[in-house]
Amino acid sequence: MVKGTTGLSDKPGSDAMTALRASMGQWWNRFATQWRDTPRPLLHQVTLLVLAAGFVLYPEPIWADVFYILMLPLALRALWHAQAQIRQTLPAQKTGMAAWRTLLARYWRSLPVPTQLAVVIIAWFTASLTWDARVPFSPGLIALWTLNVVCTLAFVLSLDDGLRHGRQFRERLICVLIGAGMVNLLIVFARLPFLFSALSNAGPFRMTGWAASRHQIIGAIIIGTIVLLALDRLCRHSFARHKPGVLPAGRLLCAAVCCMGFLFMVLTGSRGPVGSMVVAAPLLAFWANPRLALKLTAGLLLLAAVPVLLTFPTLHHAWQMAMERGDSSRLAIWRTSWEAIQQHPWLGYGPTYHLARIHNESFPHNLFLSAWVYNGVVGLGLLLVFMLSALRAALVATPAERPLAVILLLFTTLCAMTDMSQIARGPSMMWYLFWLPLLFVASTPARTNTPPPP
């Protein structure tokens, strides 16, 4: 008599669970090994994961939890691992505080000038907590802003390390941002039919996004950055060998991101980002690839001619509705900000200060005025020097990388004129608005002055 084999271990579900446990065990062992021996490459991978997750995970606290659970501990572990490696090179007589001073000095010298300026900006922001009128009397505020500073510093150093030392990190970062941006846009436009009636009944239609693009102005700036990355790649990169007349998948993806991204920006009704994109996109296209830019311009004019003629009354009405918003109280907000600056011009008020509310807005809606209000003329000066160092890196970049670097910095600066606030908050969308494009520009590969071959 042959015994049956109908035990639990022979069931397909049990086999699948066993295989799943085995794969999870292998993944955990690999993760633990990298955590112990090579945390730096692992940190670069997690940095890309966190940046991509910001376009998908909603609401924002879920994305922040991913940073707290994965990236922040790994950043601290990579920093500790780096100091342990440097410590092995120190003389035996270097111990205690002398060893730590040497470690900090070597680590500081290993950072490029723009990153050093970024750290100094965050340090000055931290110092402003000491003269903030509200912080010394509130343990909760002390803990909150300390966490903001630690998270921002960890993100800045991790992203900069990946951009300068990660293997193919820059290229992978561009691919991840374009891909995640496309996923975000697909979600946004898939939700549009369900939101149109509710948004139109609430007043002038202003499209909202998802996750990183959920706010009209913030989303328009973030998606604008993705559009510029895709446009640069569309203009100057060949993704794959393809037949004449056949568009490869990579360029098709970039073309879709450019079209859908710009349409999203227009539908948000955010005039500052849209105006900045109208300036930045043509400059980038004609700088990177004039021939393709002429073809794109002619094609867009032909495609837009018929819809514009057919829907001219609708477009005229939309233009009138947009202009009825006036300056969105920006001039009044900036005037109030300047009045506050005149009272404390040198050190500022600290990060918890609120302007007198104008239409429920209590911050300057201008990055440079915000730096002056919160951190004084010293904070504003540090910010300007940091941005100038990024500009210098863009101007000395390789000819292939220079157009994107300069135009991306231009777009971010123009958007900062009408929005953006405190730069040391996090996890927050300010990382996508300011730190990501500025560090990307500051780490652009520089051209080498090598003599031409004979």
Protein backbone atom coordinates (compact mmCIF):
# COMPACT_ATOMS: atom_id res chain seq x y z
CA MET A 1 0.00 0.00 0.00
CA VAL A 2 1.40 3.33 -1.07
CA LYS A 3 1.21 6.05 1.49
CA GLY A 4 -0.42 9.29 0.38
CA THR A 5 1.38 12.57 0.39
CA THR A 6 -1.44 14.87 1.36
CA GLY A 7 0.29 16.56 4.29
CA LEU A 8 0.34 20.34 4.76
CA SER A 9 3.83 20.58 3.33
CA ASP A 10 2.58 19.27 -0.04
CA LYS A 11 -0.05 21.99 -0.49
CA PRO A 12 0.70 24.71 -3.05
CA GLY A 13 -0.06 27.44 -0.50
CA SER A 14 2.42 25.96 1.94
CA ASP A 15 5.11 25.79 -0.76
CA ALA A 16 4.50 29.42 -1.61
CA MET A 17 4.79 30.45 2.03
CA THR A 18 8.01 28.48 2.39
CA ALA A 19 9.47 30.16 -0.69
CA LEU A 20 8.36 33.55 0.60
CA ARG A 21 10.00 32.94 3.98
CA ALA A 22 13.19 31.81 2.26
CA SER A 23 13.32 34.90 0.03
CA MET A 24 12.58 37.18 2.97
CA GLY A 25 15.33 35.49 4.95
CA GLN A 26 17.80 35.97 2.11
CA TRP A 27 16.80 39.61 1.76
CA TRP A 28 17.19 40.21 5.49
CA ASN A 29 20.59 38.53 5.58
CA ARG A 30 21.77 40.64 2.65
CA PHE A 31 20.39 43.80 4.27
CA ALA A 32 22.05 42.96 7.61
CA THR A 33 25.37 42.30 5.88
CA GLN A 34 25.23 45.60 4.02
CA TRP A 35 24.18 47.41 7.21
CA ARG A 36 27.21 46.00 9.01
CA ASP A 37 29.89 46.10 6.31
CA THR A 38 28.88 48.51 3.50
CA PRO A 39 26.14 50.88 4.68
CA ARG A 40 27.08 53.64 2.23
CA PRO A 41 25.83 51.98 -1.01
CA LEU A 42 22.75 50.84 0.87
CA LEU A 43 22.11 54.43 1.95
CA HIS A 44 22.26 55.56 -1.67
CA GLN A 45 19.63 52.97 -2.63
CA VAL A 46 17.36 53.96 0.25
CA THR A 47 17.74 57.65 -0.68
CA LEU A 48 16.38 56.89 -4.14
CA LEU A 49 13.58 54.83 -2.61
CA VAL A 50 12.53 57.66 -0.28
CA LEU A 51 12.58 60.22 -3.09
CA ALA A 52 10.44 57.97 -5.28
CA ALA A 53 8.05 57.18 -2.43
CA GLY A 54 7.23 60.85 -2.01
CA PHE A 55 5.40 60.79 -5.36
CA VAL A 56 3.24 57.81 -4.44
CA LEU A 57 2.63 57.62 -0.68
CA TYR A 58 -0.22 59.76 0.59
CA PRO A 59 -0.81 61.41 3.04
CA GLU A 60 2.59 62.92 3.77
CA PRO A 61 3.04 61.40 7.29
CA ILE A 62 3.21 57.95 5.67
CA TRP A 63 6.11 59.10 3.49
CA ALA A 64 7.75 60.72 6.52
CA ASP A 65 7.52 57.40 8.39
CA VAL A 66 9.44 55.71 5.57
CA PHE A 67 12.21 58.27 6.09
CA TYR A 68 12.20 57.79 9.87
CA ILE A 69 12.25 54.00 9.64
CA LEU A 70 14.70 53.48 6.78
CA MET A 71 16.77 56.49 5.82
CA LEU A 72 17.44 58.30 9.09
CA PRO A 73 18.86 55.26 10.98
CA LEU A 74 20.84 54.24 7.90
CA ALA A 75 22.28 57.75 7.52
CA LEU A 76 23.45 57.69 11.13
CA ARG A 77 24.87 54.19 10.67
CA ALA A 78 26.77 55.24 7.52
CA LEU A 79 28.19 58.25 9.34
CA TRP A 80 29.32 56.08 12.25
CA HIS A 81 30.85 53.55 9.87
CA ALA A 82 32.73 56.35 8.08
CA GLN A 83 34.19 57.71 11.33
CA ALA A 84 35.26 54.20 12.34
CA GLN A 85 37.19 53.85 9.08
CA ILE A 86 38.84 57.25 9.51
CA ARG A 87 39.70 56.44 13.13
CA GLN A 88 41.78 53.46 11.98
CA THR A 89 44.11 55.85 10.17
CA LEU A 90 44.74 58.06 13.21
CA PRO A 91 47.94 57.80 15.26
CA ALA A 92 47.70 55.71 18.41
CA GLN A 93 48.27 58.73 20.66
CA LYS A 94 45.14 60.43 19.30
CA THR A 95 42.40 59.58 21.78
CA GLY A 96 39.40 61.21 23.40
CA MET A 97 38.44 64.72 22.32
CA ALA A 98 41.58 65.11 20.22
CA ALA A 99 40.54 62.13 18.11
CA TRP A 100 37.02 63.49 17.65
CA ARG A 101 38.33 66.91 16.62
CA THR A 102 40.56 65.28 14.03
CA LEU A 103 37.69 63.14 12.76
CA LEU A 104 35.39 66.14 12.39
CA ALA A 105 38.10 68.18 10.69
CA ARG A 106 38.82 65.42 8.16
CA TYR A 107 35.15 64.86 7.48
CA TRP A 108 34.58 68.60 7.02
CA ARG A 109 37.48 68.89 4.58
CA SER A 110 36.10 65.96 2.58
CA LEU A 111 32.91 67.90 1.85
CA PRO A 112 32.77 70.16 -1.23
CA VAL A 113 32.27 73.88 -0.73
CA PRO A 114 28.53 73.96 -1.62
CA THR A 115 27.81 71.18 0.86
CA GLN A 116 29.83 72.98 3.53
CA LEU A 117 27.72 76.08 2.89
CA ALA A 118 24.55 74.00 3.14
CA VAL A 119 25.67 72.67 6.53
CA VAL A 120 26.51 76.22 7.68
CA ILE A 121 23.03 77.41 6.63
CA ILE A 122 21.40 74.64 8.66
CA ALA A 123 23.72 75.39 11.59
CA TRP A 124 22.75 79.08 11.52
CA PHE A 125 19.10 78.06 11.33
CA THR A 126 19.69 75.98 14.45
CA ALA A 127 21.35 78.92 16.19
CA SER A 128 18.28 81.07 15.49
CA LEU A 129 16.28 78.81 17.79
CA THR A 130 18.13 80.33 20.75
CA TRP A 131 16.70 83.82 20.19
CA ASP A 132 13.28 82.70 18.98
CA ALA A 133 10.73 84.19 21.39
CA ARG A 134 8.59 81.03 21.64
CA VAL A 135 11.08 78.15 21.56
CA PRO A 136 12.86 78.54 24.97
CA PHE A 137 9.55 78.25 26.83
CA SER A 138 8.19 75.22 24.96
CA PRO A 139 9.88 71.79 25.22
CA GLY A 140 7.60 70.57 22.45
CA LEU A 141 8.85 73.22 20.03
CA ILE A 142 12.45 72.48 20.99
CA ALA A 143 11.97 68.79 20.19
CA LEU A 144 10.09 69.55 16.95
CA TRP A 145 12.67 71.93 15.50
CA THR A 146 15.59 69.82 16.65
CA LEU A 147 14.06 66.91 14.75
CA ASN A 148 13.55 69.16 11.72
CA VAL A 149 17.22 70.13 11.76
CA VAL A 150 18.49 66.54 12.24
CA CYS A 151 16.28 65.18 9.44
CA THR A 152 17.21 67.94 7.00
CA LEU A 153 20.91 67.56 7.74
CA ALA A 154 20.70 63.77 7.28
CA PHE A 155 18.88 64.18 3.97
CA VAL A 156 21.28 66.83 2.65
CA LEU A 157 24.42 64.85 3.53
CA SER A 158 22.98 61.57 2.24
CA LEU A 159 21.83 63.03 -1.08
CA ASP A 160 25.11 64.88 -1.55
CA ASP A 161 27.12 61.74 -0.78
CA GLY A 162 25.13 59.78 -3.34
CA LEU A 163 25.50 62.46 -6.01
CA ARG A 164 29.28 62.70 -5.54
CA HIS A 165 30.28 59.17 -4.65
CA GLY A 166 27.45 56.83 -5.60
CA ARG A 167 28.01 54.54 -8.56
CA GLN A 168 25.79 55.85 -11.37
CA PHE A 169 23.72 57.58 -8.68
CA ARG A 170 23.12 60.74 -10.70
CA GLU A 171 21.81 58.82 -13.71
CA ARG A 172 19.67 56.57 -11.52
CA LEU A 173 18.31 59.59 -9.69
CA ILE A 174 17.12 61.15 -12.95
CA CYS A 175 15.48 57.89 -14.03
CA VAL A 176 13.80 57.42 -10.64
CA LEU A 177 12.44 60.97 -10.58
CA ILE A 178 11.11 60.78 -14.14
CA GLY A 179 9.52 57.38 -13.51
CA ALA A 180 8.02 58.36 -10.16
CA GLY A 181 6.80 61.64 -11.64
CA MET A 182 5.05 59.74 -14.43
CA VAL A 183 3.34 57.46 -11.91
CA ASN A 184 2.23 60.53 -9.96
CA LEU A 185 0.81 62.17 -13.09
CA LEU A 186 -1.07 58.99 -14.05
CA ILE A 187 -2.68 58.90 -10.60
CA VAL A 188 -3.51 62.61 -10.80
CA PHE A 189 -5.23 62.44 -14.19
CA ALA A 190 -7.00 59.18 -13.30
CA ARG A 191 -8.58 61.02 -10.33
CA LEU A 192 -9.53 64.09 -12.35
CA PRO A 193 -13.03 62.97 -13.48
CA PHE A 194 -13.99 62.32 -9.85
CA LEU A 195 -12.74 65.73 -8.67
CA PHE A 196 -13.81 68.01 -11.49
CA SER A 197 -17.38 68.63 -10.33
CA ALA A 198 -16.37 69.21 -6.70
CA LEU A 199 -13.54 71.57 -7.61
CA SER A 200 -15.57 73.53 -10.17
CA ASN A 201 -18.44 74.02 -7.72
CA ALA A 202 -16.01 75.46 -5.14
CA GLY A 203 -15.00 78.32 -7.44
CA PRO A 204 -12.44 78.71 -10.24
CA PHE A 205 -11.10 75.31 -11.21
CA ARG A 206 -7.63 74.68 -9.79
CA MET A 207 -6.43 71.12 -10.13
CA THR A 208 -4.95 69.35 -7.13
CA GLY A 209 -2.44 66.53 -7.38
CA TRP A 210 -1.43 63.50 -5.36
CA ALA A 211 1.26 63.02 -2.69
CA ALA A 212 4.16 65.32 -3.63
CA SER A 213 1.95 67.26 -6.07
CA ARG A 214 -1.14 67.50 -3.88
CA HIS A 215 -0.86 71.28 -3.33
CA GLN A 216 -1.36 73.41 -6.42
CA ILE A 217 1.73 75.62 -6.13
CA ILE A 218 4.07 73.12 -4.48
CA GLY A 219 2.96 70.39 -6.87
CA ALA A 220 3.46 72.64 -9.90
CA ILE A 221 7.04 73.45 -8.84
CA ILE A 222 7.93 69.81 -8.13
CA ILE A 223 6.40 68.55 -11.37
CA GLY A 224 8.12 71.42 -13.18
CA THR A 225 11.48 70.09 -12.00
CA ILE A 226 10.57 66.64 -13.34
CA VAL A 227 9.50 68.16 -16.66
CA LEU A 228 12.89 69.88 -17.04
CA LEU A 229 14.72 66.61 -16.32
CA ALA A 230 12.60 64.81 -18.91
CA LEU A 231 12.97 67.61 -21.47
CA ASP A 232 16.76 67.60 -21.09
CA ARG A 233 16.86 63.86 -21.61
CA LEU A 234 14.48 64.13 -24.55
CA CYS A 235 16.73 66.73 -26.17
CA ARG A 236 20.17 65.20 -25.76
CA HIS A 237 19.98 61.51 -24.87
CA SER A 238 19.58 58.48 -27.07
CA PHE A 239 18.01 55.77 -24.95
CA ALA A 240 18.32 52.82 -27.26
CA ARG A 241 19.09 51.82 -30.81
CA HIS A 242 15.90 52.19 -32.78
CA LYS A 243 14.65 52.16 -36.33
CA PRO A 244 14.39 55.47 -38.17
CA GLY A 245 11.05 57.08 -37.51
CA VAL A 246 10.31 54.91 -34.47
CA LEU A 247 10.34 56.66 -31.09
CA PRO A 248 12.16 54.56 -28.44
CA ALA A 249 10.40 53.84 -25.17
CA GLY A 250 12.64 56.16 -23.14
CA ARG A 251 11.97 59.17 -25.30
CA LEU A 252 8.28 58.34 -25.44
CA LEU A 253 8.20 58.33 -21.64
CA CYS A 254 9.98 61.68 -21.47
CA ALA A 255 7.66 63.18 -24.08
CA ALA A 256 4.65 61.97 -22.09
CA VAL A 257 6.05 63.44 -18.86
CA CYS A 258 6.68 66.79 -20.56
CA CYS A 259 3.17 67.00 -22.03
CA MET A 260 1.27 65.72 -19.00
CA GLY A 261 3.45 67.64 -16.56
CA PHE A 262 3.01 70.98 -18.28
CA LEU A 263 -0.74 70.36 -18.63
CA PHE A 264 -0.93 69.63 -14.91
CA MET A 265 0.95 72.84 -14.12
CA VAL A 266 -1.48 74.86 -16.24
CA LEU A 267 -4.53 73.21 -14.68
CA THR A 268 -3.30 74.01 -11.17
CA GLY A 269 -3.60 77.70 -11.98
CA SER A 270 -0.22 78.38 -10.33
CA ARG A 271 0.96 81.37 -12.29
CA GLY A 272 4.43 81.63 -10.75
CA PRO A 273 5.57 78.09 -11.64
CA VAL A 274 3.88 78.22 -15.06
CA GLY A 275 5.55 81.53 -15.89
CA SER A 276 8.89 80.16 -14.71
CA MET A 277 8.43 77.09 -16.92
CA VAL A 278 7.52 79.25 -19.93
CA VAL A 279 10.90 80.94 -19.48
CA ALA A 280 12.96 77.85 -18.55
CA ALA A 281 11.71 75.17 -20.96
CA PRO A 282 12.39 77.02 -24.26
CA LEU A 283 15.83 78.12 -23.04
CA LEU A 284 16.73 74.55 -22.13
CA ALA A 285 15.43 73.09 -25.39
CA PHE A 286 17.17 75.60 -27.66
CA TRP A 287 20.39 75.40 -25.63
CA ALA A 288 20.54 71.61 -25.51
CA ASN A 289 19.26 70.80 -29.01
CA PRO A 290 18.25 73.73 -31.25
CA ARG A 291 17.17 71.52 -34.16
CA LEU A 292 14.87 69.40 -32.01
CA ALA A 293 13.61 72.53 -30.26
CA LEU A 294 12.50 74.00 -33.60
CA LYS A 295 10.71 70.77 -34.48
CA LEU A 296 9.00 70.66 -31.09
CA THR A 297 7.96 74.30 -31.37
CA ALA A 298 6.46 73.79 -34.83
CA GLY A 299 4.68 70.62 -33.74
CA LEU A 300 3.25 72.22 -30.62
CA LEU A 301 2.01 75.23 -32.56
CA LEU A 302 0.25 72.99 -35.07
CA LEU A 303 -1.26 70.81 -32.36
CA ALA A 304 -2.42 73.79 -30.35
CA ALA A 305 -3.82 75.80 -33.27
CA VAL A 306 -7.06 73.86 -33.76
CA PRO A 307 -7.98 73.47 -30.03
CA VAL A 308 -7.26 77.15 -29.42
CA LEU A 309 -9.46 78.23 -32.32
CA LEU A 310 -12.27 75.90 -31.33
CA THR A 311 -12.26 76.74 -27.63
CA PHE A 312 -11.19 80.38 -27.77
CA PRO A 313 -14.20 81.66 -25.71
CA THR A 314 -13.46 79.06 -23.02
CA LEU A 315 -9.78 79.97 -22.94
CA HIS A 316 -10.63 83.66 -22.78
CA HIS A 317 -12.95 83.00 -19.84
CA ALA A 318 -10.25 80.95 -18.07
CA TRP A 319 -7.76 83.78 -18.60
CA GLN A 320 -10.19 86.30 -17.14
CA MET A 321 -10.83 84.07 -14.11
CA ALA A 322 -7.08 83.74 -13.53
CA MET A 323 -6.55 87.49 -13.76
CA GLU A 324 -9.41 88.18 -11.34
CA ARG A 325 -7.21 86.70 -8.61
CA GLY A 326 -4.94 89.70 -8.98
CA ASP A 327 -1.60 89.29 -7.24
CA SER A 328 -3.04 86.81 -4.66
CA SER A 329 -2.11 89.34 -1.94
CA ARG A 330 1.60 88.79 -2.66
CA LEU A 331 2.41 92.52 -2.63
CA ALA A 332 0.64 93.00 0.71
CA ILE A 333 2.44 89.97 2.17
CA TRP A 334 5.82 91.20 0.96
CA ARG A 335 5.11 94.66 2.36
CA THR A 336 4.27 93.16 5.74
CA SER A 337 7.43 91.03 5.58
CA TRP A 338 9.57 94.09 4.90
CA GLU A 339 8.03 95.91 7.84
CA ALA A 340 8.87 92.94 10.07
CA ILE A 341 12.43 92.80 8.70
CA GLN A 342 13.04 96.43 9.59
CA GLN A 343 12.41 95.62 13.26
CA HIS A 344 14.96 92.74 13.43
CA PRO A 345 17.19 92.96 10.35
CA TRP A 346 20.37 91.25 11.57
CA LEU A 347 19.35 88.03 13.34
CA GLY A 348 15.69 87.68 12.42
CA TYR A 349 12.87 86.35 14.54
CA GLY A 350 13.52 82.60 14.54
CA PRO A 351 11.62 79.82 12.78
CA THR A 352 8.35 79.99 14.78
CA TYR A 353 7.56 83.61 13.90
CA HIS A 354 4.29 84.32 12.07
CA LEU A 355 3.45 87.40 10.06
CA ALA A 356 0.19 89.24 10.54
CA ARG A 357 -2.28 87.07 8.63
CA ILE A 358 -3.35 88.28 5.22
CA HIS A 359 -6.05 86.07 3.71
CA ASN A 360 -5.02 83.30 6.11
CA GLU A 361 -1.35 83.47 5.01
CA SER A 362 1.31 84.06 7.66
CA PHE A 363 4.66 83.50 5.87
CA PRO A 364 6.45 85.69 3.32
CA HIS A 365 5.79 83.59 0.17
CA ASN A 366 9.31 84.36 -0.99
CA LEU A 367 12.38 82.27 -0.18
CA PHE A 368 14.71 85.25 0.19
CA LEU A 369 12.33 87.29 2.32
CA SER A 370 11.69 84.16 4.42
CA ALA A 371 15.42 83.72 5.04
CA TRP A 372 15.65 87.38 6.06
CA VAL A 373 12.58 87.29 8.32
CA TYR A 374 13.46 84.05 10.11
CA ASN A 375 17.29 84.12 10.10
CA GLY A 376 18.24 87.75 9.53
CA VAL A 377 20.63 89.26 7.05
CA VAL A 378 23.23 86.61 7.98
CA GLY A 379 20.87 83.82 6.96
CA LEU A 380 20.00 85.63 3.74
CA GLY A 381 23.69 86.13 2.95
CA LEU A 382 24.47 82.45 3.53
CA LEU A 383 21.58 81.46 1.28
CA LEU A 384 22.77 83.72 -1.53
CA VAL A 385 26.37 82.48 -1.24
CA PHE A 386 25.14 78.87 -1.37
CA MET A 387 23.09 79.56 -4.51
CA LEU A 388 26.02 81.38 -6.11
CA SER A 389 28.25 78.39 -5.40
CA ALA A 390 25.68 76.19 -7.16
CA LEU A 391 25.69 78.63 -10.09
CA ARG A 392 29.47 78.47 -10.29
CA ALA A 393 29.30 74.66 -10.36
CA ALA A 394 26.75 74.87 -13.18
CA LEU A 395 28.86 77.28 -15.24
CA VAL A 396 32.03 75.14 -15.02
CA ALA A 397 30.14 71.92 -15.81
CA THR A 398 30.71 69.79 -18.88
CA PRO A 399 29.06 71.11 -22.06
CA ALA A 400 26.53 68.29 -22.00
CA GLU A 401 25.49 68.90 -18.37
CA ARG A 402 25.66 72.70 -18.30
CA PRO A 403 22.25 73.54 -19.90
CA LEU A 404 20.21 71.46 -17.46
CA ALA A 405 22.19 72.70 -14.45
CA VAL A 406 21.84 76.39 -15.32
CA ILE A 407 18.17 76.19 -16.34
CA LEU A 408 17.21 74.09 -13.32
CA LEU A 409 18.79 76.69 -11.05
CA LEU A 410 17.00 79.45 -12.96
CA PHE A 411 13.63 77.70 -12.63
CA THR A 412 14.10 77.13 -8.89
CA THR A 413 15.14 80.75 -8.36
CA LEU A 414 12.16 82.13 -10.27
CA CYS A 415 9.77 79.89 -8.33
CA ALA A 416 11.42 80.98 -5.07
CA MET A 417 10.44 84.57 -5.85
CA THR A 418 6.75 83.87 -5.29
CA ASP A 419 6.81 80.89 -2.90
CA MET A 420 8.92 78.66 -0.61
CA SER A 421 9.54 79.21 3.06
CA GLN A 422 11.84 77.62 5.66
CA ILE A 423 14.54 75.36 4.29
CA ALA A 424 15.27 73.32 7.46
CA ARG A 425 12.00 71.45 7.82
CA GLY A 426 11.52 67.81 7.32
CA PRO A 427 10.60 65.41 6.15
CA SER A 428 8.77 67.92 3.97
CA MET A 429 8.17 68.89 0.35
CA MET A 430 10.77 71.65 0.80
CA TRP A 431 13.36 68.95 0.17
CA TYR A 432 11.98 68.53 -3.37
CA LEU A 433 11.52 72.28 -3.88
CA PHE A 434 14.96 73.48 -2.77
CA TRP A 435 17.54 70.96 -1.59
CA LEU A 436 17.09 68.40 -4.37
CA PRO A 437 17.54 70.80 -7.34
CA LEU A 438 20.26 72.89 -5.63
CA LEU A 439 22.37 69.90 -4.61
CA PHE A 440 21.81 68.33 -8.03
CA VAL A 441 23.13 71.49 -9.67
CA ALA A 442 26.00 71.92 -7.20
CA SER A 443 27.26 68.37 -7.87
CA THR A 444 27.24 68.68 -11.68
CA PRO A 445 30.39 67.07 -13.12
CA ALA A 446 32.95 69.73 -14.00
CA ARG A 447 34.77 69.85 -17.31
CA THR A 448 38.42 68.85 -17.27
CA ASN A 449 41.05 71.03 -18.88
CA THR A 450 42.85 68.20 -20.67
CA PRO A 451 44.98 69.01 -23.71
CA PRO A 452 43.56 67.80 -27.04
CA PRO A 453 45.11 64.64 -28.48
CA PRO A 454 47.74 65.10 -31.23
